Each structure stands twice: as C-alpha cells, then as structure tokens.
N, C-alpha and C. Protein backbone atom coordinates (compact mmCIF):
# COMPACT_ATOMS: atom_id res chain seq x y z
N MET A 1 29.04 0.63 10.75
CA MET A 1 27.98 0.97 9.81
C MET A 1 26.64 0.67 10.47
N GLU A 2 25.89 1.70 10.67
CA GLU A 2 24.62 1.57 11.35
C GLU A 2 23.49 1.38 10.34
N MET A 3 22.62 0.41 10.62
CA MET A 3 21.51 0.10 9.73
C MET A 3 20.26 0.78 10.27
N ASP A 4 19.87 1.87 9.67
CA ASP A 4 18.67 2.55 10.15
C ASP A 4 17.44 2.05 9.40
N LEU A 5 16.30 2.51 9.82
CA LEU A 5 15.03 2.03 9.29
C LEU A 5 14.86 2.36 7.81
N ARG A 6 15.32 3.52 7.39
CA ARG A 6 15.17 3.93 6.00
C ARG A 6 15.96 2.99 5.07
N ASN A 7 17.18 2.62 5.44
CA ASN A 7 17.97 1.68 4.63
C ASN A 7 17.32 0.30 4.60
N LEU A 8 16.82 -0.14 5.74
CA LEU A 8 16.16 -1.44 5.81
C LEU A 8 14.92 -1.47 4.92
N GLN A 9 14.15 -0.39 4.91
CA GLN A 9 12.98 -0.32 4.04
C GLN A 9 13.38 -0.32 2.56
N GLY A 10 14.47 0.33 2.24
CA GLY A 10 14.95 0.34 0.86
C GLY A 10 15.37 -1.03 0.39
N TYR A 11 16.12 -1.75 1.23
CA TYR A 11 16.54 -3.11 0.88
C TYR A 11 15.34 -4.05 0.77
N ALA A 12 14.38 -3.90 1.68
CA ALA A 12 13.19 -4.73 1.62
C ALA A 12 12.39 -4.44 0.35
N ASN A 13 12.32 -3.19 -0.04
CA ASN A 13 11.59 -2.81 -1.26
C ASN A 13 12.26 -3.42 -2.50
N ILE A 14 13.57 -3.34 -2.57
CA ILE A 14 14.29 -3.92 -3.71
C ILE A 14 14.11 -5.43 -3.74
N PHE A 15 14.24 -6.07 -2.58
CA PHE A 15 14.07 -7.52 -2.51
C PHE A 15 12.67 -7.94 -2.94
N MET A 16 11.65 -7.26 -2.43
CA MET A 16 10.28 -7.63 -2.79
C MET A 16 9.99 -7.38 -4.27
N THR A 17 10.54 -6.32 -4.83
CA THR A 17 10.35 -6.05 -6.25
C THR A 17 10.97 -7.15 -7.10
N ILE A 18 12.19 -7.53 -6.78
CA ILE A 18 12.85 -8.61 -7.53
C ILE A 18 12.09 -9.92 -7.35
N PHE A 19 11.66 -10.22 -6.12
CA PHE A 19 10.92 -11.45 -5.86
C PHE A 19 9.62 -11.49 -6.66
N LEU A 20 8.87 -10.39 -6.68
CA LEU A 20 7.60 -10.37 -7.41
C LEU A 20 7.79 -10.44 -8.92
N VAL A 21 8.86 -9.85 -9.43
CA VAL A 21 9.15 -9.95 -10.87
C VAL A 21 9.48 -11.39 -11.24
N VAL A 22 10.27 -12.06 -10.40
CA VAL A 22 10.60 -13.47 -10.66
C VAL A 22 9.33 -14.33 -10.62
N MET A 23 8.47 -14.09 -9.64
CA MET A 23 7.22 -14.85 -9.55
C MET A 23 6.32 -14.59 -10.75
N LEU A 24 6.27 -13.35 -11.22
CA LEU A 24 5.46 -13.03 -12.40
C LEU A 24 5.97 -13.77 -13.62
N TYR A 25 7.29 -13.76 -13.85
CA TYR A 25 7.84 -14.48 -15.00
C TYR A 25 7.64 -15.98 -14.87
N TRP A 26 7.76 -16.53 -13.64
CA TRP A 26 7.52 -17.95 -13.44
C TRP A 26 6.07 -18.30 -13.79
N TYR A 27 5.13 -17.45 -13.39
CA TYR A 27 3.72 -17.70 -13.68
C TYR A 27 3.44 -17.63 -15.18
N ILE A 28 4.04 -16.67 -15.86
CA ILE A 28 3.86 -16.56 -17.31
C ILE A 28 4.41 -17.79 -18.01
N ILE A 29 5.58 -18.26 -17.59
CA ILE A 29 6.17 -19.47 -18.19
C ILE A 29 5.29 -20.68 -17.89
N HIS A 30 4.76 -20.76 -16.67
CA HIS A 30 3.85 -21.87 -16.32
C HIS A 30 2.62 -21.88 -17.22
N LEU A 31 2.01 -20.72 -17.44
CA LEU A 31 0.84 -20.64 -18.32
C LEU A 31 1.19 -21.04 -19.74
N TYR A 32 2.33 -20.58 -20.23
CA TYR A 32 2.75 -20.89 -21.59
C TYR A 32 2.99 -22.40 -21.75
N ARG A 33 3.69 -23.00 -20.80
CA ARG A 33 3.98 -24.44 -20.89
C ARG A 33 2.72 -25.29 -20.79
N SER A 34 1.81 -24.94 -19.89
CA SER A 34 0.60 -25.74 -19.74
C SER A 34 -0.30 -25.61 -20.97
N GLU A 35 -0.27 -24.46 -21.62
CA GLU A 35 -1.05 -24.32 -22.85
C GLU A 35 -0.40 -25.11 -23.99
N LYS A 36 0.92 -25.13 -24.06
CA LYS A 36 1.60 -25.89 -25.10
C LYS A 36 1.42 -27.39 -24.93
N LYS A 37 1.36 -27.85 -23.67
CA LYS A 37 1.16 -29.28 -23.39
C LYS A 37 -0.28 -29.71 -23.65
N GLY A 38 -1.19 -28.77 -23.73
CA GLY A 38 -2.59 -29.08 -23.96
C GLY A 38 -3.38 -29.32 -22.69
N VAL A 39 -2.83 -28.95 -21.55
CA VAL A 39 -3.54 -29.12 -20.28
C VAL A 39 -4.74 -28.19 -20.23
N ARG A 40 -4.56 -26.95 -20.57
CA ARG A 40 -5.64 -25.95 -20.57
C ARG A 40 -5.51 -25.08 -21.81
N ASP A 41 -6.64 -24.59 -22.27
CA ASP A 41 -6.65 -23.64 -23.37
C ASP A 41 -7.09 -22.30 -22.80
N TYR A 42 -6.13 -21.45 -22.47
CA TYR A 42 -6.43 -20.18 -21.83
C TYR A 42 -7.07 -19.18 -22.77
N GLU A 43 -7.04 -19.46 -24.06
CA GLU A 43 -7.72 -18.60 -25.02
C GLU A 43 -9.23 -18.63 -24.79
N LYS A 44 -9.75 -19.81 -24.41
CA LYS A 44 -11.17 -19.92 -24.11
C LYS A 44 -11.54 -19.09 -22.89
N TYR A 45 -10.68 -19.12 -21.87
CA TYR A 45 -10.95 -18.34 -20.67
C TYR A 45 -10.89 -16.84 -20.95
N GLY A 46 -10.05 -16.44 -21.88
CA GLY A 46 -9.97 -15.04 -22.25
C GLY A 46 -11.21 -14.55 -22.98
N ASN A 47 -11.90 -15.47 -23.65
CA ASN A 47 -13.10 -15.09 -24.40
C ASN A 47 -14.34 -15.01 -23.52
N ILE A 48 -14.23 -15.37 -22.24
CA ILE A 48 -15.39 -15.30 -21.36
C ILE A 48 -15.92 -13.86 -21.27
N ALA A 49 -15.04 -12.90 -21.21
CA ALA A 49 -15.47 -11.50 -21.09
C ALA A 49 -16.14 -11.02 -22.37
N LEU A 50 -15.77 -11.57 -23.51
CA LEU A 50 -16.35 -11.14 -24.78
C LEU A 50 -17.68 -11.83 -25.06
N ASP A 51 -17.81 -13.08 -24.66
CA ASP A 51 -19.03 -13.86 -24.92
C ASP A 51 -19.69 -14.17 -23.59
N ASP A 52 -20.37 -13.18 -23.05
CA ASP A 52 -20.96 -13.30 -21.71
C ASP A 52 -22.48 -13.22 -21.81
N SER A 53 -23.08 -14.32 -22.24
CA SER A 53 -24.54 -14.36 -22.29
C SER A 53 -25.01 -15.66 -21.63
N VAL A 54 -26.28 -15.71 -21.35
CA VAL A 54 -26.84 -16.88 -20.68
C VAL A 54 -26.80 -18.10 -21.59
N THR A 55 -26.94 -17.89 -22.89
CA THR A 55 -27.01 -19.00 -23.83
C THR A 55 -25.65 -19.45 -24.34
N SER A 56 -24.56 -18.83 -23.92
CA SER A 56 -23.24 -19.22 -24.41
C SER A 56 -22.84 -20.57 -23.81
N THR A 57 -22.01 -21.29 -24.53
CA THR A 57 -21.58 -22.61 -24.07
C THR A 57 -20.54 -22.48 -22.97
N PRO A 58 -20.50 -23.44 -22.05
CA PRO A 58 -19.50 -23.39 -20.98
C PRO A 58 -18.09 -23.59 -21.52
N VAL A 59 -17.12 -23.10 -20.78
CA VAL A 59 -15.73 -23.24 -21.19
C VAL A 59 -15.28 -24.69 -21.06
N GLU A 60 -15.62 -25.32 -19.94
CA GLU A 60 -15.29 -26.72 -19.73
C GLU A 60 -16.58 -27.52 -19.66
N ASP A 61 -16.53 -28.74 -20.15
CA ASP A 61 -17.74 -29.54 -20.25
C ASP A 61 -18.14 -30.21 -18.95
N LYS A 62 -17.23 -30.36 -17.98
CA LYS A 62 -17.53 -31.05 -16.74
C LYS A 62 -17.64 -30.06 -15.59
N PRO A 63 -18.52 -30.32 -14.64
CA PRO A 63 -18.56 -29.48 -13.44
C PRO A 63 -17.27 -29.63 -12.64
N ALA A 64 -16.95 -28.62 -11.88
CA ALA A 64 -15.69 -28.62 -11.12
C ALA A 64 -15.65 -29.75 -10.11
N SER A 65 -16.78 -30.11 -9.53
CA SER A 65 -16.78 -31.17 -8.52
C SER A 65 -16.40 -32.51 -9.14
N GLN A 66 -16.89 -32.82 -10.33
CA GLN A 66 -16.52 -34.07 -10.99
C GLN A 66 -15.07 -34.06 -11.43
N ARG A 67 -14.58 -32.92 -11.88
CA ARG A 67 -13.21 -32.83 -12.33
C ARG A 67 -12.23 -33.04 -11.17
N GLU A 68 -12.52 -32.44 -10.01
CA GLU A 68 -11.66 -32.63 -8.85
C GLU A 68 -11.68 -34.07 -8.39
N TYR A 69 -12.83 -34.73 -8.43
CA TYR A 69 -12.94 -36.11 -8.00
C TYR A 69 -12.13 -37.01 -8.93
N LYS A 70 -12.15 -36.74 -10.22
CA LYS A 70 -11.40 -37.54 -11.18
C LYS A 70 -9.90 -37.35 -10.97
N GLU A 71 -9.46 -36.12 -10.70
CA GLU A 71 -8.03 -35.86 -10.50
C GLU A 71 -7.52 -36.51 -9.23
N GLU A 72 -8.36 -36.63 -8.19
CA GLU A 72 -7.93 -37.27 -6.95
C GLU A 72 -7.75 -38.75 -7.09
N ASN A 73 -8.51 -39.39 -7.99
CA ASN A 73 -8.46 -40.84 -8.13
C ASN A 73 -7.49 -41.31 -9.19
N LYS A 74 -6.65 -40.46 -9.71
CA LYS A 74 -5.68 -40.86 -10.73
C LYS A 74 -4.57 -41.67 -10.13
C-alpha cells in the first residue's frame, strides 16, 4: 500500500480538523468554568463593543501592570 501525497494531505486535514474542534470545545468549557467560579465576568468584556465611549467606565478597576504584579506574589 503506497502512501501518496494526496492521501497524506487528506489524513492531515482530518487530524487537524478534529484537533481544532477539540481545542475549541476545551476553550469554551474553560470560559464557562472560569465564569462560574467568578474568576472573570466575560459578559462585561462582551459589552465593550456596545459601550465604546471615552466616558464609559473601565471593565476592570486595576491596571494590568498592578494585576500581574499581584498574581506573581501570591
């Protein structure tokens, strides 16, 4: 049984499709679990596109630099 390039491309396509679908579902489950635990509220991030003005309140109250520093020292 000879493995030509067309068959190899077909198998690679199927493998990559399955891999990307699994990664997509893993990411969706990760988002759902982190929102249920209260780590992040992704509803606020979704509203950024709807409430996009200079006077709107920030999504998170701390700057990213302070938040990263706090997470490193835990």
